[in-house]
Amino acid sequence: MNLQKAEQAIVNAIYAAIAWLALDFGLLLQEHGGQAMEFLADQPEMAAGAIIAAACIVGLFYKSRFAAIVLFLIFLLPLVLRMVQGSFPPVMFLIFSLILLYFFLAGVIGTFSYHVLKNSDQVSNQSD
């Protein structure tokens, strides 16, 4: 992976995370209507998850490896836990989840590649 592809993978992960938050918020509005904010206030774990995801999006703008890993894990772990408990999601949800997982994993790989390539580029510039 070259530097440009790593940066594009990170940008794609940002877009995927924004899409995930927008979809979750849209589903929340659809289900609870005008009381969506009150529902979020009553469910602090949901609000915390949204705040953590938003913080990870900001971290990805700075190409943070930690933010990429956290974003990948906070999306993957609940999905795996639900499936282990026998609650399989509908096919469309599963397809959408797999697409998002692809972009989040590519974001993790992209952040690590970006830092490796950036460091190797700095080392080669210093030796010249």
C-alpha atoms as a PDB file:
ATOM      1  CA  MET A   1       0.000   0.000   0.000  1.00  0.00           C
ATOM      2  CA  ASN A   2       1.388   3.393  -0.939  1.00  0.00           C
ATOM      3  CA  LEU A   3       0.842   6.634   0.950  1.00  0.00           C
ATOM      4  CA  GLN A   4      -1.992   7.812  -1.285  1.00  0.00           C
ATOM      5  CA  LYS A   5      -3.907   4.532  -0.905  1.00  0.00           C
ATOM      6  CA  ALA A   6      -3.391   4.609   2.865  1.00  0.00           C
ATOM      7  CA  GLU A   7      -4.795   8.125   3.051  1.00  0.00           C
ATOM      8  CA  GLN A   8      -7.757   7.108   0.871  1.00  0.00           C
ATOM      9  CA  ALA A   9      -8.471   4.108   3.128  1.00  0.00           C
ATOM     10  CA  ILE A  10      -8.530   6.461   6.126  1.00  0.00           C
ATOM     11  CA  VAL A  11     -10.908   8.864   4.350  1.00  0.00           C
ATOM     12  CA  ASN A  12     -13.178   5.948   3.401  1.00  0.00           C
ATOM     13  CA  ALA A  13     -13.238   4.841   7.051  1.00  0.00           C
ATOM     14  CA  ILE A  14     -14.275   8.369   8.034  1.00  0.00           C
ATOM     15  CA  TYR A  15     -17.122   8.289   5.502  1.00  0.00           C
ATOM     16  CA  ALA A  16     -18.203   4.840   6.713  1.00  0.00           C
ATOM     17  CA  ALA A  17     -18.236   5.998  10.336  1.00  0.00           C
ATOM     18  CA  ILE A  18     -20.304   9.062   9.432  1.00  0.00           C
ATOM     19  CA  ALA A  19     -22.724   6.838   7.510  1.00  0.00           C
ATOM     20  CA  TRP A  20     -22.970   4.498  10.493  1.00  0.00           C
ATOM     21  CA  LEU A  21     -23.746   7.353  12.906  1.00  0.00           C
ATOM     22  CA  ALA A  22     -26.234   8.899  10.487  1.00  0.00           C
ATOM     23  CA  LEU A  23     -28.008   5.568  10.005  1.00  0.00           C
ATOM     24  CA  ASP A  24     -28.166   4.905  13.746  1.00  0.00           C
ATOM     25  CA  PHE A  25     -29.480   8.384  14.425  1.00  0.00           C
ATOM     26  CA  GLY A  26     -31.999   8.058  11.590  1.00  0.00           C
ATOM     27  CA  LEU A  27     -33.252   4.743  12.957  1.00  0.00           C
ATOM     28  CA  LEU A  28     -33.487   6.298  16.411  1.00  0.00           C
ATOM     29  CA  LEU A  29     -35.548   9.184  15.039  1.00  0.00           C
ATOM     30  CA  GLN A  30     -37.754   6.791  13.092  1.00  0.00           C
ATOM     31  CA  GLU A  31     -38.392   4.651  16.146  1.00  0.00           C
ATOM     32  CA  HIS A  32     -38.792   7.356  18.783  1.00  0.00           C
ATOM     33  CA  GLY A  33     -39.676  10.451  16.780  1.00  0.00           C
ATOM     34  CA  GLY A  34     -39.545  13.666  18.778  1.00  0.00           C
ATOM     35  CA  GLN A  35     -38.502  11.850  21.929  1.00  0.00           C
ATOM     36  CA  ALA A  36     -35.217  10.648  20.397  1.00  0.00           C
ATOM     37  CA  MET A  37     -33.093  13.047  22.447  1.00  0.00           C
ATOM     38  CA  GLU A  38     -34.943  12.109  25.635  1.00  0.00           C
ATOM     39  CA  PHE A  39     -34.347   8.436  24.796  1.00  0.00           C
ATOM     40  CA  LEU A  40     -30.626   9.131  24.364  1.00  0.00           C
ATOM     41  CA  ALA A  41     -30.601  10.904  27.725  1.00  0.00           C
ATOM     42  CA  ASP A  42     -32.217   7.854  29.320  1.00  0.00           C
ATOM     43  CA  GLN A  43     -29.736   5.479  27.650  1.00  0.00           C
ATOM     44  CA  PRO A  44     -26.284   6.868  28.529  1.00  0.00           C
ATOM     45  CA  GLU A  45     -24.490   3.887  26.970  1.00  0.00           C
ATOM     46  CA  MET A  46     -25.959   4.758  23.573  1.00  0.00           C
ATOM     47  CA  ALA A  47     -24.968   8.397  23.938  1.00  0.00           C
ATOM     48  CA  ALA A  48     -21.479   7.365  25.064  1.00  0.00           C
ATOM     49  CA  GLY A  49     -21.147   5.091  22.046  1.00  0.00           C
ATOM     50  CA  ALA A  50     -22.093   7.932  19.703  1.00  0.00           C
ATOM     51  CA  ILE A  51     -19.637  10.279  21.427  1.00  0.00           C
ATOM     52  CA  ILE A  52     -16.842   7.698  21.214  1.00  0.00           C
ATOM     53  CA  ALA A  53     -17.583   7.093  17.521  1.00  0.00           C
ATOM     54  CA  ALA A  54     -17.536  10.857  16.859  1.00  0.00           C
ATOM     55  CA  ALA A  55     -14.233  11.150  18.741  1.00  0.00           C
ATOM     56  CA  CYS A  56     -12.828   8.320  16.620  1.00  0.00           C
ATOM     57  CA  ILE A  57     -13.883  10.161  13.470  1.00  0.00           C
ATOM     58  CA  VAL A  58     -11.961  13.198  14.669  1.00  0.00           C
ATOM     59  CA  GLY A  59      -9.021  10.930  15.506  1.00  0.00           C
ATOM     60  CA  LEU A  60      -9.067   9.530  11.986  1.00  0.00           C
ATOM     61  CA  PHE A  61      -8.686  13.054  10.607  1.00  0.00           C
ATOM     62  CA  TYR A  62      -5.364  13.059  12.469  1.00  0.00           C
ATOM     63  CA  LYS A  63      -4.638   9.524  11.218  1.00  0.00           C
ATOM     64  CA  SER A  64      -4.728   8.011  14.695  1.00  0.00           C
ATOM     65  CA  ARG A  65      -4.123   4.267  14.806  1.00  0.00           C
ATOM     66  CA  PHE A  66      -5.847   4.085  18.194  1.00  0.00           C
ATOM     67  CA  ALA A  67      -8.988   5.774  16.842  1.00  0.00           C
ATOM     68  CA  ALA A  68      -9.103   3.389  13.883  1.00  0.00           C
ATOM     69  CA  ILE A  69      -8.805   0.332  16.124  1.00  0.00           C
ATOM     70  CA  VAL A  70     -11.425   1.577  18.593  1.00  0.00           C
ATOM     71  CA  LEU A  71     -13.849   2.385  15.777  1.00  0.00           C
ATOM     72  CA  PHE A  72     -13.374  -1.078  14.292  1.00  0.00           C
ATOM     73  CA  LEU A  73     -13.866  -2.781  17.664  1.00  0.00           C
ATOM     74  CA  ILE A  74     -16.915  -0.791  18.798  1.00  0.00           C
ATOM     75  CA  PHE A  75     -18.595  -1.774  15.565  1.00  0.00           C
ATOM     76  CA  LEU A  76     -17.443  -5.401  15.492  1.00  0.00           C
ATOM     77  CA  LEU A  77     -17.892  -6.496  19.109  1.00  0.00           C
ATOM     78  CA  PRO A  78     -21.654  -5.825  19.501  1.00  0.00           C
ATOM     79  CA  LEU A  79     -22.298  -7.513  16.157  1.00  0.00           C
ATOM     80  CA  VAL A  80     -20.313 -10.606  17.168  1.00  0.00           C
ATOM     81  CA  LEU A  81     -21.905 -10.718  20.632  1.00  0.00           C
ATOM     82  CA  ARG A  82     -25.416 -10.614  19.147  1.00  0.00           C
ATOM     83  CA  MET A  83     -24.554 -13.394  16.725  1.00  0.00           C
ATOM     84  CA  VAL A  84     -23.009 -15.535  19.473  1.00  0.00           C
ATOM     85  CA  GLN A  85     -26.193 -15.125  21.495  1.00  0.00           C
ATOM     86  CA  GLY A  86     -28.152 -16.481  18.531  1.00  0.00           C
ATOM     87  CA  SER A  87     -29.669 -13.185  17.399  1.00  0.00           C
ATOM     88  CA  PHE A  88     -28.785 -13.139  13.717  1.00  0.00           C
ATOM     89  CA  PRO A  89     -29.465  -9.831  11.969  1.00  0.00           C
ATOM     90  CA  PRO A  90     -31.537  -9.520   8.810  1.00  0.00           C
ATOM     91  CA  VAL A  91     -29.634 -10.101   5.566  1.00  0.00           C
ATOM     92  CA  MET A  92     -29.610  -6.433   4.507  1.00  0.00           C
ATOM     93  CA  PHE A  93     -28.289  -5.362   7.908  1.00  0.00           C
ATOM     94  CA  LEU A  94     -25.616  -8.038   7.735  1.00  0.00           C
ATOM     95  CA  ILE A  95     -24.527  -6.942   4.252  1.00  0.00           C
ATOM     96  CA  PHE A  96     -24.380  -3.297   5.350  1.00  0.00           C
ATOM     97  CA  SER A  97     -22.421  -4.311   8.450  1.00  0.00           C
ATOM     98  CA  LEU A  98     -19.918  -6.300   6.411  1.00  0.00           C
ATOM     99  CA  ILE A  99     -19.398  -3.360   4.067  1.00  0.00           C
ATOM    100  CA  LEU A 100     -18.776  -1.037   7.024  1.00  0.00           C
ATOM    101  CA  LEU A 101     -16.451  -3.593   8.610  1.00  0.00           C
ATOM    102  CA  TYR A 102     -14.452  -3.714   5.392  1.00  0.00           C
ATOM    103  CA  PHE A 103     -13.993   0.060   5.431  1.00  0.00           C
ATOM    104  CA  PHE A 104     -13.155   0.121   9.154  1.00  0.00           C
ATOM    105  CA  LEU A 105     -10.577  -2.656   8.728  1.00  0.00           C
ATOM    106  CA  ALA A 106      -9.129  -0.873   5.694  1.00  0.00           C
ATOM    107  CA  GLY A 107      -8.936   2.244   7.876  1.00  0.00           C
ATOM    108  CA  VAL A 108      -6.950   0.356  10.508  1.00  0.00           C
ATOM    109  CA  ILE A 109      -4.576  -0.995   7.878  1.00  0.00           C
ATOM    110  CA  GLY A 110      -4.425   2.449   6.273  1.00  0.00           C
ATOM    111  CA  THR A 111      -3.454   4.226   9.495  1.00  0.00           C
ATOM    112  CA  PHE A 112      -0.690   1.747  10.238  1.00  0.00           C
ATOM    113  CA  SER A 113       0.565   1.875   6.644  1.00  0.00           C
ATOM    114  CA  TYR A 114       0.413   5.671   6.656  1.00  0.00           C
ATOM    115  CA  HIS A 115       2.624   5.923   9.745  1.00  0.00           C
ATOM    116  CA  VAL A 116       5.092   3.317   8.484  1.00  0.00           C
ATOM    117  CA  LEU A 117       5.351   4.991   5.090  1.00  0.00           C
ATOM    118  CA  LYS A 118       5.553   8.472   6.584  1.00  0.00           C
ATOM    119  CA  ASN A 119       8.341   7.403   8.970  1.00  0.00           C
ATOM    120  CA  SER A 120      10.277   5.616   6.221  1.00  0.00           C
ATOM    121  CA  ASP A 121       9.886   8.684   4.002  1.00  0.00           C
ATOM    122  CA  GLN A 122      11.263  10.917   6.775  1.00  0.00           C
ATOM    123  CA  VAL A 123      14.196   8.583   7.348  1.00  0.00           C
ATOM    124  CA  SER A 124      15.058   8.520   3.651  1.00  0.00           C
ATOM    125  CA  ASN A 125      14.836  12.326   3.486  1.00  0.00           C
ATOM    126  CA  GLN A 126      17.173  12.679   6.476  1.00  0.00           C
ATOM    127  CA  SER A 127      19.765  10.373   4.968  1.00  0.00           C
ATOM    128  CA  ASP A 128      19.896  12.394   1.731  1.00  0.00           C
END
